[in-house]
Amino acid sequence: MAYDSGAASLLRLAMCDRAVPAQAFDFKETSGEIVLRSDADQCLTVGEESRSAGPFVSRPLSLAPYAEAAGALKTWVVLP
């Protein structure tokens, strides 16, 4: 997965290759943020707008510059 570190980048699902640094993320338990392991200035964010997805709702995911991402859109809860 390639991304432009200066702008938000959309994510897509694909076969994972653990040898590719851009496919590894770290979860910061204290802040609830998910950052790109190869560039911790990029974080996983969710879009503000949602759309219907059958009985569920869907929101776009993207990588965005950490400093520019809104707190509520870059905070995650990971359940065991």
PDB file of N, CA and C in Angstrom:
ATOM      1  N   MET A   1       0.843  -1.165   0.000  1.00  0.00           N
ATOM      2  CA  MET A   1       0.000   0.000   0.000  1.00  0.00           C
ATOM      3  C   MET A   1       0.889   1.229   0.000  1.00  0.00           C
ATOM      4  N   ALA A   2       0.663   2.116  -0.915  1.00  0.00           N
ATOM      5  CA  ALA A   2       1.422   3.354  -0.967  1.00  0.00           C
ATOM      6  C   ALA A   2       0.540   4.494  -0.482  1.00  0.00           C
ATOM      7  N   TYR A   3       1.148   5.523   0.056  1.00  0.00           N
ATOM      8  CA  TYR A   3       0.369   6.668   0.498  1.00  0.00           C
ATOM      9  C   TYR A   3       1.187   7.929   0.342  1.00  0.00           C
ATOM     10  N   ASP A   4       0.502   9.043   0.270  1.00  0.00           N
ATOM     11  CA  ASP A   4       1.120  10.350   0.210  1.00  0.00           C
ATOM     12  C   ASP A   4       1.109  10.893   1.626  1.00  0.00           C
ATOM     13  N   SER A   5       2.262  11.046   2.237  1.00  0.00           N
ATOM     14  CA  SER A   5       2.311  11.434   3.644  1.00  0.00           C
ATOM     15  C   SER A   5       1.798  12.842   3.891  1.00  0.00           C
ATOM     16  N   GLY A   6       1.537  13.616   2.837  1.00  0.00           N
ATOM     17  CA  GLY A   6       1.043  14.967   3.008  1.00  0.00           C
ATOM     18  C   GLY A   6      -0.461  15.086   2.922  1.00  0.00           C
ATOM     19  N   ALA A   7      -1.143  13.999   2.608  1.00  0.00           N
ATOM     20  CA  ALA A   7      -2.598  14.063   2.446  1.00  0.00           C
ATOM     21  C   ALA A   7      -3.223  12.774   2.950  1.00  0.00           C
ATOM     22  N   ALA A   8      -4.531  12.815   3.169  1.00  0.00           N
ATOM     23  CA  ALA A   8      -5.242  11.605   3.587  1.00  0.00           C
ATOM     24  C   ALA A   8      -5.170  10.568   2.475  1.00  0.00           C
ATOM     25  N   SER A   9      -5.046   9.309   2.841  1.00  0.00           N
ATOM     26  CA  SER A   9      -4.987   8.215   1.878  1.00  0.00           C
ATOM     27  C   SER A   9      -6.055   7.196   2.220  1.00  0.00           C
ATOM     28  N   LEU A  10      -6.858   6.812   1.234  1.00  0.00           N
ATOM     29  CA  LEU A  10      -7.868   5.797   1.461  1.00  0.00           C
ATOM     30  C   LEU A  10      -7.209   4.440   1.615  1.00  0.00           C
ATOM     31  N   LEU A  11      -7.831   3.571   2.372  1.00  0.00           N
ATOM     32  CA  LEU A  11      -7.331   2.218   2.588  1.00  0.00           C
ATOM     33  C   LEU A  11      -8.151   1.246   1.772  1.00  0.00           C
ATOM     34  N   ARG A  12      -7.555   0.131   1.447  1.00  0.00           N
ATOM     35  CA  ARG A  12      -8.305  -0.948   0.804  1.00  0.00           C
ATOM     36  C   ARG A  12      -7.801  -2.259   1.366  1.00  0.00           C
ATOM     37  N   LEU A  13      -8.653  -3.264   1.344  1.00  0.00           N
ATOM     38  CA  LEU A  13      -8.262  -4.585   1.828  1.00  0.00           C
ATOM     39  C   LEU A  13      -7.548  -5.336   0.715  1.00  0.00           C
ATOM     40  N   ALA A  14      -6.480  -5.988   1.064  1.00  0.00           N
ATOM     41  CA  ALA A  14      -5.713  -6.775   0.103  1.00  0.00           C
ATOM     42  C   ALA A  14      -4.966  -7.845   0.900  1.00  0.00           C
ATOM     43  N   MET A  15      -4.361  -8.770   0.190  1.00  0.00           N
ATOM     44  CA  MET A  15      -3.550  -9.776   0.865  1.00  0.00           C
ATOM     45  C   MET A  15      -2.415  -9.063   1.597  1.00  0.00           C
ATOM     46  N   CYS A  16      -2.182  -9.442   2.828  1.00  0.00           N
ATOM     47  CA  CYS A  16      -1.168  -8.817   3.655  1.00  0.00           C
ATOM     48  C   CYS A  16       0.195  -9.455   3.417  1.00  0.00           C
ATOM     49  N   ASP A  17       1.218  -8.631   3.361  1.00  0.00           N
ATOM     50  CA  ASP A  17       2.594  -9.096   3.259  1.00  0.00           C
ATOM     51  C   ASP A  17       3.332  -8.503   4.450  1.00  0.00           C
ATOM     52  N   ARG A  18       3.591  -9.307   5.463  1.00  0.00           N
ATOM     53  CA  ARG A  18       4.212  -8.818   6.691  1.00  0.00           C
ATOM     54  C   ARG A  18       5.589  -8.210   6.467  1.00  0.00           C
ATOM     55  N   ALA A  19       6.197  -8.484   5.321  1.00  0.00           N
ATOM     56  CA  ALA A  19       7.515  -7.929   5.029  1.00  0.00           C
ATOM     57  C   ALA A  19       7.426  -6.478   4.544  1.00  0.00           C
ATOM     58  N   VAL A  20       6.233  -5.995   4.255  1.00  0.00           N
ATOM     59  CA  VAL A  20       6.044  -4.629   3.763  1.00  0.00           C
ATOM     60  C   VAL A  20       5.736  -3.708   4.948  1.00  0.00           C
ATOM     61  N   PRO A  21       6.649  -2.788   5.279  1.00  0.00           N
ATOM     62  CA  PRO A  21       6.445  -1.922   6.444  1.00  0.00           C
ATOM     63  C   PRO A  21       5.156  -1.099   6.397  1.00  0.00           C
ATOM     64  N   ALA A  22       4.693  -0.732   5.217  1.00  0.00           N
ATOM     65  CA  ALA A  22       3.478   0.086   5.095  1.00  0.00           C
ATOM     66  C   ALA A  22       2.213  -0.713   5.372  1.00  0.00           C
ATOM     67  N   GLN A  23       2.351  -2.005   5.702  1.00  0.00           N
ATOM     68  CA  GLN A  23       1.190  -2.828   6.035  1.00  0.00           C
ATOM     69  C   GLN A  23       1.164  -3.203   7.518  1.00  0.00           C
ATOM     70  N   ALA A  24       1.932  -2.492   8.324  1.00  0.00           N
ATOM     71  CA  ALA A  24       1.975  -2.770   9.761  1.00  0.00           C
ATOM     72  C   ALA A  24       1.522  -1.538  10.545  1.00  0.00           C
ATOM     73  N   PHE A  25       0.685  -1.773  11.545  1.00  0.00           N
ATOM     74  CA  PHE A  25       0.156  -0.696  12.370  1.00  0.00           C
ATOM     75  C   PHE A  25       0.427  -0.994  13.832  1.00  0.00           C
ATOM     76  N   ASP A  26       0.471   0.048  14.643  1.00  0.00           N
ATOM     77  CA  ASP A  26       0.613  -0.088  16.091  1.00  0.00           C
ATOM     78  C   ASP A  26      -0.581   0.576  16.762  1.00  0.00           C
ATOM     79  N   PHE A  27      -1.132  -0.095  17.782  1.00  0.00           N
ATOM     80  CA  PHE A  27      -2.238   0.454  18.556  1.00  0.00           C
ATOM     81  C   PHE A  27      -1.678   1.029  19.838  1.00  0.00           C
ATOM     82  N   LYS A  28      -1.943   2.308  20.074  1.00  0.00           N
ATOM     83  CA  LYS A  28      -1.505   2.974  21.299  1.00  0.00           C
ATOM     84  C   LYS A  28      -2.633   2.854  22.321  1.00  0.00           C
ATOM     85  N   GLU A  29      -2.485   1.933  23.256  1.00  0.00           N
ATOM     86  CA  GLU A  29      -3.557   1.667  24.225  1.00  0.00           C
ATOM     87  C   GLU A  29      -3.925   2.887  25.061  1.00  0.00           C
ATOM     88  N   THR A  30      -2.951   3.704  25.430  1.00  0.00           N
ATOM     89  CA  THR A  30      -3.239   4.848  26.300  1.00  0.00           C
ATOM     90  C   THR A  30      -4.073   5.921  25.603  1.00  0.00           C
ATOM     91  N   SER A  31      -3.875   6.106  24.299  1.00  0.00           N
ATOM     92  CA  SER A  31      -4.605   7.154  23.576  1.00  0.00           C
ATOM     93  C   SER A  31      -5.714   6.600  22.688  1.00  0.00           C
ATOM     94  N   GLY A  32      -5.676   5.284  22.399  1.00  0.00           N
ATOM     95  CA  GLY A  32      -6.671   4.684  21.521  1.00  0.00           C
ATOM     96  C   GLY A  32      -6.422   4.959  20.053  1.00  0.00           C
ATOM     97  N   GLU A  33      -5.216   5.339  19.698  1.00  0.00           N
ATOM     98  CA  GLU A  33      -4.892   5.671  18.309  1.00  0.00           C
ATOM     99  C   GLU A  33      -4.161   4.523  17.626  1.00  0.00           C
ATOM    100  N   ILE A  34      -4.373   4.406  16.326  1.00  0.00           N
ATOM    101  CA  ILE A  34      -3.706   3.398  15.506  1.00  0.00           C
ATOM    102  C   ILE A  34      -2.834   4.154  14.517  1.00  0.00           C
ATOM    103  N   VAL A  35      -1.525   3.904  14.593  1.00  0.00           N
ATOM    104  CA  VAL A  35      -0.579   4.620  13.733  1.00  0.00           C
ATOM    105  C   VAL A  35       0.157   3.640  12.826  1.00  0.00           C
ATOM    106  N   LEU A  36       0.603   4.159  11.705  1.00  0.00           N
ATOM    107  CA  LEU A  36       1.374   3.372  10.750  1.00  0.00           C
ATOM    108  C   LEU A  36       2.756   3.126  11.347  1.00  0.00           C
ATOM    109  N   ARG A  37       3.170   1.874  11.430  1.00  0.00           N
ATOM    110  CA  ARG A  37       4.452   1.545  12.060  1.00  0.00           C
ATOM    111  C   ARG A  37       5.628   2.211  11.343  1.00  0.00           C
ATOM    112  N   SER A  38       5.594   2.285  10.022  1.00  0.00           N
ATOM    113  CA  SER A  38       6.708   2.862   9.270  1.00  0.00           C
ATOM    114  C   SER A  38       6.694   4.387   9.262  1.00  0.00           C
ATOM    115  N   ASP A  39       5.605   5.007   9.722  1.00  0.00           N
ATOM    116  CA  ASP A  39       5.501   6.465   9.768  1.00  0.00           C
ATOM    117  C   ASP A  39       4.451   6.839  10.812  1.00  0.00           C
ATOM    118  N   ALA A  40       4.881   6.979  12.057  1.00  0.00           N
ATOM    119  CA  ALA A  40       3.952   7.236  13.160  1.00  0.00           C
ATOM    120  C   ALA A  40       3.264   8.588  13.056  1.00  0.00           C
ATOM    121  N   ASP A  41       3.644   9.403  12.065  1.00  0.00           N
ATOM    122  CA  ASP A  41       2.943  10.670  11.841  1.00  0.00           C
ATOM    123  C   ASP A  41       1.649  10.452  11.058  1.00  0.00           C
ATOM    124  N   GLN A  42       1.390   9.214  10.614  1.00  0.00           N
ATOM    125  CA  GLN A  42       0.167   8.863   9.901  1.00  0.00           C
ATOM    126  C   GLN A  42      -0.698   7.999  10.814  1.00  0.00           C
ATOM    127  N   CYS A  43      -1.978   8.358  10.939  1.00  0.00           N
ATOM    128  CA  CYS A  43      -2.857   7.579  11.810  1.00  0.00           C
ATOM    129  C   CYS A  43      -4.111   7.147  11.059  1.00  0.00           C
ATOM    130  N   LEU A  44      -4.725   6.088  11.553  1.00  0.00           N
ATOM    131  CA  LEU A  44      -5.951   5.564  10.974  1.00  0.00           C
ATOM    132  C   LEU A  44      -7.112   6.430  11.448  1.00  0.00           C
ATOM    133  N   THR A  45      -7.893   6.939  10.495  1.00  0.00           N
ATOM    134  CA  THR A  45      -9.038   7.779  10.829  1.00  0.00           C
ATOM    135  C   THR A  45     -10.297   7.245  10.163  1.00  0.00           C
ATOM    136  N   VAL A  46     -11.425   7.629  10.710  1.00  0.00           N
ATOM    137  CA  VAL A  46     -12.720   7.272  10.151  1.00  0.00           C
ATOM    138  C   VAL A  46     -13.369   8.558   9.640  1.00  0.00           C
ATOM    139  N   GLY A  47     -14.099   8.453   8.545  1.00  0.00           N
ATOM    140  CA  GLY A  47     -14.763   9.622   7.978  1.00  0.00           C
ATOM    141  C   GLY A  47     -15.929  10.100   8.829  1.00  0.00           C
ATOM    142  N   GLU A  48     -16.283  11.359   8.690  1.00  0.00           N
ATOM    143  CA  GLU A  48     -17.396  11.933   9.440  1.00  0.00           C
ATOM    144  C   GLU A  48     -18.750  11.471   8.906  1.00  0.00           C
ATOM    145  N   GLU A  49     -18.839  11.229   7.618  1.00  0.00           N
ATOM    146  CA  GLU A  49     -20.100  10.850   6.979  1.00  0.00           C
ATOM    147  C   GLU A  49     -20.265   9.330   6.970  1.00  0.00           C
ATOM    148  N   SER A  50     -21.482   8.870   7.239  1.00  0.00           N
ATOM    149  CA  SER A  50     -21.754   7.437   7.171  1.00  0.00           C
ATOM    150  C   SER A  50     -22.799   7.182   6.094  1.00  0.00           C
ATOM    151  N   ARG A  51     -22.847   5.933   5.636  1.00  0.00           N
ATOM    152  CA  ARG A  51     -23.846   5.552   4.638  1.00  0.00           C
ATOM    153  C   ARG A  51     -24.413   4.195   5.035  1.00  0.00           C
ATOM    154  N   SER A  52     -25.570   3.892   4.507  1.00  0.00           N
ATOM    155  CA  SER A  52     -26.222   2.632   4.809  1.00  0.00           C
ATOM    156  C   SER A  52     -25.448   1.482   4.172  1.00  0.00           C
ATOM    157  N   ALA A  53     -25.311   0.401   4.918  1.00  0.00           N
ATOM    158  CA  ALA A  53     -24.641  -0.806   4.426  1.00  0.00           C
ATOM    159  C   ALA A  53     -25.462  -2.000   4.913  1.00  0.00           C
ATOM    160  N   GLY A  54     -26.636  -2.169   4.314  1.00  0.00           N
ATOM    161  CA  GLY A  54     -27.546  -3.217   4.771  1.00  0.00           C
ATOM    162  C   GLY A  54     -28.081  -2.845   6.140  1.00  0.00           C
ATOM    163  N   PRO A  55     -28.021  -3.756   7.115  1.00  0.00           N
ATOM    164  CA  PRO A  55     -28.516  -3.438   8.452  1.00  0.00           C
ATOM    165  C   PRO A  55     -27.501  -2.623   9.276  1.00  0.00           C
ATOM    166  N   PHE A  56     -26.376  -2.296   8.680  1.00  0.00           N
ATOM    167  CA  PHE A  56     -25.301  -1.590   9.375  1.00  0.00           C
ATOM    168  C   PHE A  56     -25.076  -0.225   8.737  1.00  0.00           C
ATOM    169  N   VAL A  57     -24.079   0.491   9.217  1.00  0.00           N
ATOM    170  CA  VAL A  57     -23.634   1.723   8.578  1.00  0.00           C
ATOM    171  C   VAL A  57     -22.164   1.562   8.234  1.00  0.00           C
ATOM    172  N   SER A  58     -21.730   2.303   7.237  1.00  0.00           N
ATOM    173  CA  SER A  58     -20.353   2.231   6.775  1.00  0.00           C
ATOM    174  C   SER A  58     -19.753   3.635   6.768  1.00  0.00           C
ATOM    175  N   ARG A  59     -18.484   3.724   7.107  1.00  0.00           N
ATOM    176  CA  ARG A  59     -17.740   4.979   7.027  1.00  0.00           C
ATOM    177  C   ARG A  59     -16.415   4.693   6.339  1.00  0.00           C
ATOM    178  N   PRO A  60     -15.906   5.621   5.561  1.00  0.00           N
ATOM    179  CA  PRO A  60     -14.606   5.400   4.928  1.00  0.00           C
ATOM    180  C   PRO A  60     -13.479   5.467   5.964  1.00  0.00           C
ATOM    181  N   LEU A  61     -12.464   4.654   5.760  1.00  0.00           N
ATOM    182  CA  LEU A  61     -11.254   4.683   6.582  1.00  0.00           C
ATOM    183  C   LEU A  61     -10.139   5.294   5.758  1.00  0.00           C
ATOM    184  N   SER A  62      -9.238   5.999   6.410  1.00  0.00           N
ATOM    185  CA  SER A  62      -8.103   6.572   5.690  1.00  0.00           C
ATOM    186  C   SER A  62      -6.919   6.750   6.625  1.00  0.00           C
ATOM    187  N   LEU A  63      -5.754   6.936   6.024  1.00  0.00           N
ATOM    188  CA  LEU A  63      -4.572   7.354   6.763  1.00  0.00           C
ATOM    189  C   LEU A  63      -4.512   8.862   6.610  1.00  0.00           C
ATOM    190  N   ALA A  64      -4.265   9.552   7.706  1.00  0.00           N
ATOM    191  CA  ALA A  64      -4.205  11.010   7.651  1.00  0.00           C
ATOM    192  C   ALA A  64      -3.050  11.496   8.516  1.00  0.00           C
ATOM    193  N   PRO A  65      -2.520  12.668   8.215  1.00  0.00           N
ATOM    194  CA  PRO A  65      -1.475  13.228   9.072  1.00  0.00           C
ATOM    195  C   PRO A  65      -1.981  13.342  10.504  1.00  0.00           C
ATOM    196  N   TYR A  66      -1.243  12.786  11.428  1.00  0.00           N
ATOM    197  CA  TYR A  66      -1.627  12.717  12.833  1.00  0.00           C
ATOM    198  C   TYR A  66      -2.020  14.091  13.387  1.00  0.00           C
ATOM    199  N   ALA A  67      -1.212  15.096  13.115  1.00  0.00           N
ATOM    200  CA  ALA A  67      -1.443  16.428  13.676  1.00  0.00           C
ATOM    201  C   ALA A  67      -2.715  17.077  13.147  1.00  0.00           C
ATOM    202  N   GLU A  68      -3.177  16.657  11.971  1.00  0.00           N
ATOM    203  CA  GLU A  68      -4.353  17.272  11.357  1.00  0.00           C
ATOM    204  C   GLU A  68      -5.650  16.512  11.633  1.00  0.00           C
ATOM    205  N   ALA A  69      -5.566  15.291  12.122  1.00  0.00           N
ATOM    206  CA  ALA A  69      -6.756  14.458  12.321  1.00  0.00           C
ATOM    207  C   ALA A  69      -7.494  14.858  13.598  1.00  0.00           C
ATOM    208  N   ALA A  70      -8.821  14.945  13.495  1.00  0.00           N
ATOM    209  CA  ALA A  70      -9.640  15.278  14.662  1.00  0.00           C
ATOM    210  C   ALA A  70      -9.596  14.137  15.677  1.00  0.00           C
ATOM    211  N   GLY A  71      -9.499  14.473  16.952  1.00  0.00           N
ATOM    212  CA  GLY A  71      -9.361  13.479  18.017  1.00  0.00           C
ATOM    213  C   GLY A  71     -10.408  12.393  17.985  1.00  0.00           C
ATOM    214  N   ALA A  72     -11.671  12.775  17.823  1.00  0.00           N
ATOM    215  CA  ALA A  72     -12.760  11.782  17.836  1.00  0.00           C
ATOM    216  C   ALA A  72     -12.707  10.858  16.633  1.00  0.00           C
ATOM    217  N   LEU A  73     -12.080  11.289  15.543  1.00  0.00           N
ATOM    218  CA  LEU A  73     -12.030  10.480  14.324  1.00  0.00           C
ATOM    219  C   LEU A  73     -10.800   9.578  14.265  1.00  0.00           C
ATOM    220  N   LYS A  74      -9.893   9.731  15.223  1.00  0.00           N
ATOM    221  CA  LYS A  74      -8.689   8.892  15.238  1.00  0.00           C
ATOM    222  C   LYS A  74      -8.564   8.083  16.518  1.00  0.00           C
ATOM    223  N   THR A  75      -9.634   8.019  17.301  1.00  0.00           N
ATOM    224  CA  THR A  75      -9.626   7.274  18.568  1.00  0.00           C
ATOM    225  C   THR A  75     -10.431   5.994  18.394  1.00  0.00           C
ATOM    226  N   TRP A  76      -9.818   4.855  18.755  1.00  0.00           N
ATOM    227  CA  TRP A  76     -10.416   3.542  18.546  1.00  0.00           C
ATOM    228  C   TRP A  76     -10.500   2.772  19.860  1.00  0.00           C
ATOM    229  N   VAL A  77     -11.434   1.865  19.943  1.00  0.00           N
ATOM    230  CA  VAL A  77     -11.551   0.937  21.053  1.00  0.00           C
ATOM    231  C   VAL A  77     -11.363  -0.455  20.470  1.00  0.00           C
ATOM    232  N   VAL A  78     -10.365  -1.173  20.942  1.00  0.00           N
ATOM    233  CA  VAL A  78     -10.081  -2.518  20.454  1.00  0.00           C
ATOM    234  C   VAL A  78     -10.563  -3.492  21.511  1.00  0.00           C
ATOM    235  N   LEU A  79     -11.508  -4.328  21.139  1.00  0.00           N
ATOM    236  CA  LEU A  79     -12.067  -5.304  22.069  1.00  0.00           C
ATOM    237  C   LEU A  79     -11.308  -6.625  21.965  1.00  0.00           C
ATOM    238  N   PRO A  80     -11.115  -7.313  23.088  1.00  0.00           N
ATOM    239  CA  PRO A  80     -10.379  -8.587  23.052  1.00  0.00           C
ATOM    240  C   PRO A  80     -11.176  -9.670  22.329  1.00  0.00           C
TER     241      PRO A  80
END
